[in-house]
Amino acid sequence: MRRWLGVLLLAVPALAAEKVEATSNRPSAIALRKRVHVNPLIDEPDTMDFEWGVALSTGGSFSFPSTIRYTPEGHHVWWGRTELALSFDSLNYDGSASHFGDRVTAAATCVVRDGEKFDIAIAPTATFLLRGDSGARLGATAIARYDVGRSSMGVTAGWTSATHASVTNPASIVDIAAGYGYRLAPSGPLGHLTVHTNWQWEKATATTRQISVFEGVEYQITDPVAVDFSAQHLAAWGGQIDHQIVVGLTVQTARLHHR
């Protein structure tokens, strides 16, 4: 079955609370949450995936996250079962000015166990800071997913470290998340709809822990095209809460090379 669309939240002290809002709707964060219940762990080999979205905050800010993904075809774990992805914000409004994104995130998601129902993937990540802070964030995320019937569920555990730590770029961030998705029917109109929910615990250096909650629904328009509507309740416990609406569109190409 093909289901598409695509968290690392950068927690910061209260004096930089707006930075939480700016980073928590990153495309890499949104895509990671989808891995446990809507998206496959990686896209099919020899295909590309383009994802665009808009994240609107009740506080007035917004961003347009984008992600490009490609899975090379091959017979090895590192070339055939590894998806390469690049994520960035094409435009971001922080409440006072509009500007291009301040970072680019690269990830390589490798499926280390491809079972009939249970799968495990490891995703090394590197985020390069382009404005405001300097340096990069390096880390990795582990993803475990279980599919049974029309239900999909999974957990993630991630860690990143800053090459140059600052007040708004914590030295270390650890997060643990879980999610559940349910396709409403095996076929027919309801078979195109998948409802999903996520929960995330996250702790950054020199800050209190934060817990965020997410829920949404994905509509599979055609086999390669899907649209997703989600609500994000960031830092619902442990921080300055921010409610957001995220709308995303994903388009996947056919195989790039003919056999």
C-alpha atoms as a PDB file:
ATOM      1  CA  MET A   1       0.000   0.000   0.000  1.00  0.00           C
ATOM      2  CA  ARG A   2       1.215   3.496  -0.802  1.00  0.00           C
ATOM      3  CA  ARG A   3       0.521   6.266   1.643  1.00  0.00           C
ATOM      4  CA  TRP A   4       2.302   9.552   1.638  1.00  0.00           C
ATOM      5  CA  LEU A   5       3.061  12.819   3.312  1.00  0.00           C
ATOM      6  CA  GLY A   6       5.067  13.755   5.637  1.00  0.00           C
ATOM      7  CA  VAL A   7      10.047  15.561  15.548  1.00  0.00           C
ATOM      8  CA  LEU A   8      12.521  17.343  16.528  1.00  0.00           C
ATOM      9  CA  LEU A   9      11.365  20.459  18.431  1.00  0.00           C
ATOM     10  CA  LEU A  10      14.056  22.911  19.481  1.00  0.00           C
ATOM     11  CA  ALA A  11      13.079  23.807  23.028  1.00  0.00           C
ATOM     12  CA  VAL A  12      14.507  27.052  24.324  1.00  0.00           C
ATOM     13  CA  PRO A  13      14.180  29.216  27.407  1.00  0.00           C
ATOM     14  CA  ALA A  14      11.156  31.466  27.872  1.00  0.00           C
ATOM     15  CA  LEU A  15      13.102  34.540  26.751  1.00  0.00           C
ATOM     16  CA  ALA A  16      13.377  32.911  23.309  1.00  0.00           C
ATOM     17  CA  ALA A  17       9.950  31.280  23.200  1.00  0.00           C
ATOM     18  CA  GLU A  18       9.337  32.528  19.665  1.00  0.00           C
ATOM     19  CA  LYS A  19      12.182  30.247  18.529  1.00  0.00           C
ATOM     20  CA  VAL A  20      10.161  27.206  19.607  1.00  0.00           C
ATOM     21  CA  GLU A  21       7.341  28.265  17.327  1.00  0.00           C
ATOM     22  CA  ALA A  22       9.726  28.868  14.437  1.00  0.00           C
ATOM     23  CA  THR A  23      11.424  25.476  14.621  1.00  0.00           C
ATOM     24  CA  SER A  24       8.621  23.127  15.646  1.00  0.00           C
ATOM     25  CA  ASN A  25       6.871  23.248  12.289  1.00  0.00           C
ATOM     26  CA  ARG A  26      10.001  22.353  10.321  1.00  0.00           C
ATOM     27  CA  PRO A  27       9.288  20.015   7.400  1.00  0.00           C
ATOM     28  CA  SER A  28      11.679  17.417   8.818  1.00  0.00           C
ATOM     29  CA  ALA A  29       9.710  17.431  12.082  1.00  0.00           C
ATOM     30  CA  ILE A  30       6.347  17.102  10.353  1.00  0.00           C
ATOM     31  CA  ALA A  31       7.583  14.282   8.098  1.00  0.00           C
ATOM     32  CA  LEU A  32       9.040  12.375  11.037  1.00  0.00           C
ATOM     33  CA  ARG A  33       5.694  12.250  12.819  1.00  0.00           C
ATOM     34  CA  LYS A  34       4.058  10.804   9.687  1.00  0.00           C
ATOM     35  CA  ARG A  35       6.574   7.954   9.516  1.00  0.00           C
ATOM     36  CA  VAL A  36       4.912   6.073  12.350  1.00  0.00           C
ATOM     37  CA  HIS A  37       1.392   5.873  10.924  1.00  0.00           C
ATOM     38  CA  VAL A  38       0.796   7.439   7.480  1.00  0.00           C
ATOM     39  CA  ASN A  39       3.979   7.553   5.411  1.00  0.00           C
ATOM     40  CA  PRO A  40       5.974   4.435   4.655  1.00  0.00           C
ATOM     41  CA  LEU A  41       9.311   4.436   6.472  1.00  0.00           C
ATOM     42  CA  ILE A  42      10.949   5.280   3.144  1.00  0.00           C
ATOM     43  CA  ASP A  43       9.620   5.965  -0.342  1.00  0.00           C
ATOM     44  CA  GLU A  44       9.856   3.264  -2.987  1.00  0.00           C
ATOM     45  CA  PRO A  45      13.251   2.851  -4.665  1.00  0.00           C
ATOM     46  CA  ASP A  46      13.927   4.894  -7.820  1.00  0.00           C
ATOM     47  CA  THR A  47      11.195   7.450  -7.009  1.00  0.00           C
ATOM     48  CA  MET A  48      11.213  11.041  -5.824  1.00  0.00           C
ATOM     49  CA  ASP A  49       8.823  12.669  -3.395  1.00  0.00           C
ATOM     50  CA  PHE A  50       7.993  16.387  -3.221  1.00  0.00           C
ATOM     51  CA  GLU A  51       6.213  17.809  -0.199  1.00  0.00           C
ATOM     52  CA  TRP A  52       4.930  21.359   0.253  1.00  0.00           C
ATOM     53  CA  GLY A  53       2.964  22.819   3.122  1.00  0.00           C
ATOM     54  CA  VAL A  54       1.895  25.819   5.127  1.00  0.00           C
ATOM     55  CA  ALA A  55       1.977  26.041   8.936  1.00  0.00           C
ATOM     56  CA  LEU A  56      -0.196  28.762  10.488  1.00  0.00           C
ATOM     57  CA  SER A  57       0.120  29.779  14.139  1.00  0.00           C
ATOM     58  CA  THR A  58      -2.639  31.348  16.223  1.00  0.00           C
ATOM     59  CA  GLY A  59       0.067  33.806  17.279  1.00  0.00           C
ATOM     60  CA  GLY A  60       0.211  35.218  13.740  1.00  0.00           C
ATOM     61  CA  SER A  61       3.390  33.643  12.373  1.00  0.00           C
ATOM     62  CA  PHE A  62       3.501  31.216   9.462  1.00  0.00           C
ATOM     63  CA  SER A  63       5.964  29.204   7.378  1.00  0.00           C
ATOM     64  CA  PHE A  64       6.000  27.282   4.105  1.00  0.00           C
ATOM     65  CA  PRO A  65       7.960  24.076   4.751  1.00  0.00           C
ATOM     66  CA  SER A  66       9.237  21.955   1.843  1.00  0.00           C
ATOM     67  CA  THR A  67      10.918  18.554   1.566  1.00  0.00           C
ATOM     68  CA  ILE A  68      12.500  16.678  -1.342  1.00  0.00           C
ATOM     69  CA  ARG A  69      13.132  12.929  -0.976  1.00  0.00           C
ATOM     70  CA  TYR A  70      14.803  10.334  -3.180  1.00  0.00           C
ATOM     71  CA  THR A  71      15.427   6.613  -2.651  1.00  0.00           C
ATOM     72  CA  PRO A  72      18.134   5.134  -4.914  1.00  0.00           C
ATOM     73  CA  GLU A  73      17.500   1.666  -6.310  1.00  0.00           C
ATOM     74  CA  GLY A  74      19.962  -1.037  -5.309  1.00  0.00           C
ATOM     75  CA  HIS A  75      20.535  -4.288  -3.485  1.00  0.00           C
ATOM     76  CA  HIS A  76      22.245  -2.983  -0.368  1.00  0.00           C
ATOM     77  CA  VAL A  77      21.026  -1.478   2.887  1.00  0.00           C
ATOM     78  CA  TRP A  78      22.903   1.761   2.164  1.00  0.00           C
ATOM     79  CA  TRP A  79      21.815   1.876  -1.506  1.00  0.00           C
ATOM     80  CA  GLY A  80      18.344   0.511  -2.061  1.00  0.00           C
ATOM     81  CA  ARG A  81      16.868   0.709   1.439  1.00  0.00           C
ATOM     82  CA  THR A  82      18.040   4.226   2.310  1.00  0.00           C
ATOM     83  CA  GLU A  83      16.058   7.376   1.533  1.00  0.00           C
ATOM     84  CA  LEU A  84      17.867  10.706   1.118  1.00  0.00           C
ATOM     85  CA  ALA A  85      15.955  13.852   2.104  1.00  0.00           C
ATOM     86  CA  LEU A  86      16.485  17.614   2.142  1.00  0.00           C
ATOM     87  CA  SER A  87      14.117  19.857   4.143  1.00  0.00           C
ATOM     88  CA  PHE A  88      13.877  23.639   4.397  1.00  0.00           C
ATOM     89  CA  ASP A  89      11.458  26.549   4.832  1.00  0.00           C
ATOM     90  CA  SER A  90      10.896  28.364   1.544  1.00  0.00           C
ATOM     91  CA  LEU A  91       9.373  31.310   3.453  1.00  0.00           C
ATOM     92  CA  ASN A  92       8.916  32.153   7.117  1.00  0.00           C
ATOM     93  CA  TYR A  93       7.083  34.984   8.877  1.00  0.00           C
ATOM     94  CA  ASP A  94       8.056  35.412  12.542  1.00  0.00           C
ATOM     95  CA  GLY A  95       5.525  38.104  13.459  1.00  0.00           C
ATOM     96  CA  SER A  96       7.589  41.054  12.304  1.00  0.00           C
ATOM     97  CA  ALA A  97       9.142  40.185   8.924  1.00  0.00           C
ATOM     98  CA  SER A  98       9.060  37.602   6.152  1.00  0.00           C
ATOM     99  CA  HIS A  99      12.293  35.876   5.199  1.00  0.00           C
ATOM    100  CA  PHE A 100      13.678  32.669   3.782  1.00  0.00           C
ATOM    101  CA  GLY A 101      14.298  29.749   6.142  1.00  0.00           C
ATOM    102  CA  ASP A 102      17.213  29.915   8.547  1.00  0.00           C
ATOM    103  CA  ARG A 103      18.322  26.280   8.223  1.00  0.00           C
ATOM    104  CA  VAL A 104      18.481  23.232   5.950  1.00  0.00           C
ATOM    105  CA  THR A 105      18.155  19.671   7.249  1.00  0.00           C
ATOM    106  CA  ALA A 106      19.590  16.616   5.489  1.00  0.00           C
ATOM    107  CA  ALA A 107      18.617  13.090   6.519  1.00  0.00           C
ATOM    108  CA  ALA A 108      19.350   9.537   5.384  1.00  0.00           C
ATOM    109  CA  THR A 109      16.632   7.144   6.579  1.00  0.00           C
ATOM    110  CA  CYS A 110      17.855   3.540   6.434  1.00  0.00           C
ATOM    111  CA  VAL A 111      15.490   0.580   6.915  1.00  0.00           C
ATOM    112  CA  VAL A 112      17.465  -1.943   8.984  1.00  0.00           C
ATOM    113  CA  ARG A 113      14.527  -4.323   9.480  1.00  0.00           C
ATOM    114  CA  ASP A 114      11.882  -4.761   6.799  1.00  0.00           C
ATOM    115  CA  GLY A 115       9.326  -7.196   8.202  1.00  0.00           C
ATOM    116  CA  GLU A 116       5.804  -8.119   7.166  1.00  0.00           C
ATOM    117  CA  LYS A 117       4.310  -6.044   9.991  1.00  0.00           C
ATOM    118  CA  PHE A 118       7.180  -4.697  12.078  1.00  0.00           C
ATOM    119  CA  ASP A 119       9.865  -2.348  10.682  1.00  0.00           C
ATOM    120  CA  ILE A 120      12.832  -0.472  12.138  1.00  0.00           C
ATOM    121  CA  ALA A 121      14.724   2.449  10.593  1.00  0.00           C
ATOM    122  CA  ILE A 122      17.665   4.628  11.621  1.00  0.00           C
ATOM    123  CA  ALA A 123      17.967   8.196  10.337  1.00  0.00           C
ATOM    124  CA  PRO A 124      21.205  10.177  10.827  1.00  0.00           C
ATOM    125  CA  THR A 125      20.483  13.910  10.472  1.00  0.00           C
ATOM    126  CA  ALA A 126      22.443  17.114   9.979  1.00  0.00           C
ATOM    127  CA  THR A 127      20.893  20.579  10.266  1.00  0.00           C
ATOM    128  CA  PHE A 128      22.920  23.515   8.942  1.00  0.00           C
ATOM    129  CA  LEU A 129      22.093  26.902  10.476  1.00  0.00           C
ATOM    130  CA  LEU A 130      22.053  29.681   7.890  1.00  0.00           C
ATOM    131  CA  ARG A 131      20.987  32.740   9.904  1.00  0.00           C
ATOM    132  CA  GLY A 132      20.843  33.805  13.539  1.00  0.00           C
ATOM    133  CA  ASP A 133      22.835  30.932  15.025  1.00  0.00           C
ATOM    134  CA  SER A 134      25.992  29.442  13.512  1.00  0.00           C
ATOM    135  CA  GLY A 135      27.265  25.915  13.041  1.00  0.00           C
ATOM    136  CA  ALA A 136      25.116  22.801  12.747  1.00  0.00           C
ATOM    137  CA  ARG A 137      23.062  20.285  14.692  1.00  0.00           C
ATOM    138  CA  LEU A 138      24.097  16.646  14.294  1.00  0.00           C
ATOM    139  CA  GLY A 139      22.228  13.594  15.523  1.00  0.00           C
ATOM    140  CA  ALA A 140      20.036  10.638  14.663  1.00  0.00           C
ATOM    141  CA  THR A 141      16.538   9.250  15.111  1.00  0.00           C
ATOM    142  CA  ALA A 142      15.411   5.644  15.558  1.00  0.00           C
ATOM    143  CA  ILE A 143      11.956   4.697  14.244  1.00  0.00           C
ATOM    144  CA  ALA A 144       9.966   1.525  14.993  1.00  0.00           C
ATOM    145  CA  ARG A 145       6.604   0.870  13.317  1.00  0.00           C
ATOM    146  CA  TYR A 146       3.983  -1.874  13.514  1.00  0.00           C
ATOM    147  CA  ASP A 147       1.153  -2.341  10.980  1.00  0.00           C
ATOM    148  CA  VAL A 148      -1.852  -4.584  11.526  1.00  0.00           C
ATOM    149  CA  GLY A 149      -5.105  -4.449   9.566  1.00  0.00           C
ATOM    150  CA  ARG A 150      -5.988  -0.806   8.937  1.00  0.00           C
ATOM    151  CA  SER A 151      -4.011   0.375  11.977  1.00  0.00           C
ATOM    152  CA  SER A 152      -0.445   1.684  12.047  1.00  0.00           C
ATOM    153  CA  MET A 153       1.473   2.674  15.160  1.00  0.00           C
ATOM    154  CA  GLY A 154       5.027   3.463  16.072  1.00  0.00           C
ATOM    155  CA  VAL A 155       7.565   5.194  18.267  1.00  0.00           C
ATOM    156  CA  THR A 156      10.594   7.392  17.644  1.00  0.00           C
ATOM    157  CA  ALA A 157      13.592   8.360  19.770  1.00  0.00           C
ATOM    158  CA  GLY A 158      15.905  11.143  18.697  1.00  0.00           C
ATOM    159  CA  TRP A 159      18.968  13.066  19.831  1.00  0.00           C
ATOM    160  CA  THR A 160      20.795  16.064  18.359  1.00  0.00           C
ATOM    161  CA  SER A 161      23.797  18.093  19.501  1.00  0.00           C
ATOM    162  CA  ALA A 162      24.900  21.605  18.542  1.00  0.00           C
ATOM    163  CA  THR A 163      28.375  22.213  17.173  1.00  0.00           C
ATOM    164  CA  HIS A 164      28.111  25.771  18.558  1.00  0.00           C
ATOM    165  CA  ALA A 165      25.654  25.968  21.454  1.00  0.00           C
ATOM    166  CA  SER A 166      23.854  29.207  22.283  1.00  0.00           C
ATOM    167  CA  VAL A 167      20.806  30.436  24.188  1.00  0.00           C
ATOM    168  CA  THR A 168      18.571  29.663  21.203  1.00  0.00           C
ATOM    169  CA  ASN A 169      20.531  26.606  20.002  1.00  0.00           C
ATOM    170  CA  PRO A 170      20.682  24.119  22.921  1.00  0.00           C
ATOM    171  CA  ALA A 171      23.758  21.955  23.361  1.00  0.00           C
ATOM    172  CA  SER A 172      21.655  18.777  23.405  1.00  0.00           C
ATOM    173  CA  ILE A 173      18.052  17.813  22.639  1.00  0.00           C
ATOM    174  CA  VAL A 174      16.437  14.452  23.394  1.00  0.00           C
ATOM    175  CA  ASP A 175      12.915  13.508  22.335  1.00  0.00           C
ATOM    176  CA  ILE A 176      10.642  10.469  22.508  1.00  0.00           C
ATOM    177  CA  ALA A 177       7.402  10.273  20.538  1.00  0.00           C
ATOM    178  CA  ALA A 178       4.578   7.866  19.721  1.00  0.00           C
ATOM    179  CA  GLY A 179       1.812   7.899  17.132  1.00  0.00           C
ATOM    180  CA  TYR A 180      -1.220   5.986  15.904  1.00  0.00           C
ATOM    181  CA  GLY A 181      -3.093   6.066  12.587  1.00  0.00           C
ATOM    182  CA  TYR A 182      -6.266   4.327  11.384  1.00  0.00           C
ATOM    183  CA  ARG A 183      -7.586   4.048   7.817  1.00  0.00           C
ATOM    184  CA  LEU A 184     -11.349   4.418   8.043  1.00  0.00           C
ATOM    185  CA  ALA A 185     -12.314   1.689   5.549  1.00  0.00           C
ATOM    186  CA  PRO A 186     -10.611  -1.025   3.489  1.00  0.00           C
ATOM    187  CA  SER A 187     -11.922   0.504   0.238  1.00  0.00           C
ATOM    188  CA  GLY A 188     -14.349   3.081  -1.138  1.00  0.00           C
ATOM    189  CA  PRO A 189     -14.414   6.801  -0.310  1.00  0.00           C
ATOM    190  CA  LEU A 190     -13.587   6.276   3.382  1.00  0.00           C
ATOM    191  CA  GLY A 191     -10.651   4.097   2.366  1.00  0.00           C
ATOM    192  CA  HIS A 192      -8.898   7.269   1.198  1.00  0.00           C
ATOM    193  CA  LEU A 193      -9.000   8.778   4.712  1.00  0.00           C
ATOM    194  CA  THR A 194      -6.528   8.064   7.521  1.00  0.00           C
ATOM    195  CA  VAL A 195      -6.945   9.736  10.917  1.00  0.00           C
ATOM    196  CA  HIS A 196      -3.830  10.026  13.053  1.00  0.00           C
ATOM    197  CA  THR A 197      -2.550  11.363  16.358  1.00  0.00           C
ATOM    198  CA  ASN A 198       0.894  11.879  17.922  1.00  0.00           C
ATOM    199  CA  TRP A 199       2.387  12.642  21.321  1.00  0.00           C
ATOM    200  CA  GLN A 200       5.924  13.873  22.000  1.00  0.00           C
ATOM    201  CA  TRP A 201       8.113  14.372  25.073  1.00  0.00           C
ATOM    202  CA  GLU A 202      11.184  16.532  24.582  1.00  0.00           C
ATOM    203  CA  LYS A 203      14.004  17.860  26.773  1.00  0.00           C
ATOM    204  CA  ALA A 204      16.700  20.342  25.827  1.00  0.00           C
ATOM    205  CA  THR A 205      19.750  21.404  27.797  1.00  0.00           C
ATOM    206  CA  ALA A 206      18.972  23.974  30.534  1.00  0.00           C
ATOM    207  CA  THR A 207      15.196  23.847  29.950  1.00  0.00           C
ATOM    208  CA  THR A 208      12.241  22.026  31.445  1.00  0.00           C
ATOM    209  CA  ARG A 209      10.681  19.160  29.518  1.00  0.00           C
ATOM    210  CA  GLN A 210       7.923  19.901  27.034  1.00  0.00           C
ATOM    211  CA  ILE A 211       5.039  17.695  25.875  1.00  0.00           C
ATOM    212  CA  SER A 212       3.233  18.363  22.589  1.00  0.00           C
ATOM    213  CA  VAL A 213       0.138  16.770  21.033  1.00  0.00           C
ATOM    214  CA  PHE A 214      -0.825  16.485  17.361  1.00  0.00           C
ATOM    215  CA  GLU A 215      -3.847  15.187  15.462  1.00  0.00           C
ATOM    216  CA  GLY A 216      -4.984  15.204  11.853  1.00  0.00           C
ATOM    217  CA  VAL A 217      -6.412  13.431   8.821  1.00  0.00           C
ATOM    218  CA  GLU A 218      -4.846  12.517   5.486  1.00  0.00           C
ATOM    219  CA  TYR A 219      -6.798  12.234   2.235  1.00  0.00           C
ATOM    220  CA  GLN A 220      -5.273  10.120  -0.544  1.00  0.00           C
ATOM    221  CA  ILE A 221      -6.551  11.925  -3.646  1.00  0.00           C
ATOM    222  CA  THR A 222      -4.873   9.578  -6.141  1.00  0.00           C
ATOM    223  CA  ASP A 223      -2.134   6.981  -5.767  1.00  0.00           C
ATOM    224  CA  PRO A 224       0.750   9.507  -6.018  1.00  0.00           C
ATOM    225  CA  VAL A 225      -1.011  12.575  -4.551  1.00  0.00           C
ATOM    226  CA  ALA A 226      -2.151  13.166  -0.955  1.00  0.00           C
ATOM    227  CA  VAL A 227      -3.215  16.120   1.179  1.00  0.00           C
ATOM    228  CA  ASP A 228      -3.018  16.274   4.965  1.00  0.00           C
ATOM    229  CA  PHE A 229      -4.697  18.543   7.526  1.00  0.00           C
ATOM    230  CA  SER A 230      -3.205  18.589  11.027  1.00  0.00           C
ATOM    231  CA  ALA A 231      -3.455  20.523  14.294  1.00  0.00           C
ATOM    232  CA  GLN A 232      -0.362  21.028  16.463  1.00  0.00           C
ATOM    233  CA  HIS A 233      -0.484  21.894  20.166  1.00  0.00           C
ATOM    234  CA  LEU A 234       3.150  22.721  20.845  1.00  0.00           C
ATOM    235  CA  ALA A 235       4.419  22.754  24.425  1.00  0.00           C
ATOM    236  CA  ALA A 236       0.939  21.921  25.723  1.00  0.00           C
ATOM    237  CA  TRP A 237       2.669  21.026  29.006  1.00  0.00           C
ATOM    238  CA  GLY A 238       5.911  22.571  30.211  1.00  0.00           C
ATOM    239  CA  GLY A 239       6.195  25.679  28.050  1.00  0.00           C
ATOM    240  CA  GLN A 240       4.457  28.515  26.246  1.00  0.00           C
ATOM    241  CA  ILE A 241       1.677  26.722  24.349  1.00  0.00           C
ATOM    242  CA  ASP A 242       1.243  27.452  20.651  1.00  0.00           C
ATOM    243  CA  HIS A 243      -1.626  26.127  18.511  1.00  0.00           C
ATOM    244  CA  GLN A 244      -0.954  25.648  14.811  1.00  0.00           C
ATOM    245  CA  ILE A 245      -2.751  24.408  11.703  1.00  0.00           C
ATOM    246  CA  VAL A 246      -0.658  22.584   9.098  1.00  0.00           C
ATOM    247  CA  VAL A 247      -1.803  21.806   5.547  1.00  0.00           C
ATOM    248  CA  GLY A 248       0.470  19.679   3.381  1.00  0.00           C
ATOM    249  CA  LEU A 249       0.494  18.401  -0.192  1.00  0.00           C
ATOM    250  CA  THR A 250       2.679  15.484  -1.317  1.00  0.00           C
ATOM    251  CA  VAL A 251       3.347  14.329  -4.862  1.00  0.00           C
ATOM    252  CA  GLN A 252       5.407  11.266  -5.747  1.00  0.00           C
ATOM    253  CA  THR A 253       6.911  10.589  -9.145  1.00  0.00           C
ATOM    254  CA  ALA A 254       6.756   7.334 -11.067  1.00  0.00           C
ATOM    255  CA  ARG A 255       9.938   5.299 -11.379  1.00  0.00           C
ATOM    256  CA  LEU A 256      12.668   7.484 -12.816  1.00  0.00           C
ATOM    257  CA  HIS A 257      14.301   4.699 -14.822  1.00  0.00           C
ATOM    258  CA  HIS A 258      12.616   2.051 -16.934  1.00  0.00           C
ATOM    259  CA  ARG A 259      13.718  -1.503 -16.464  1.00  0.00           C
END
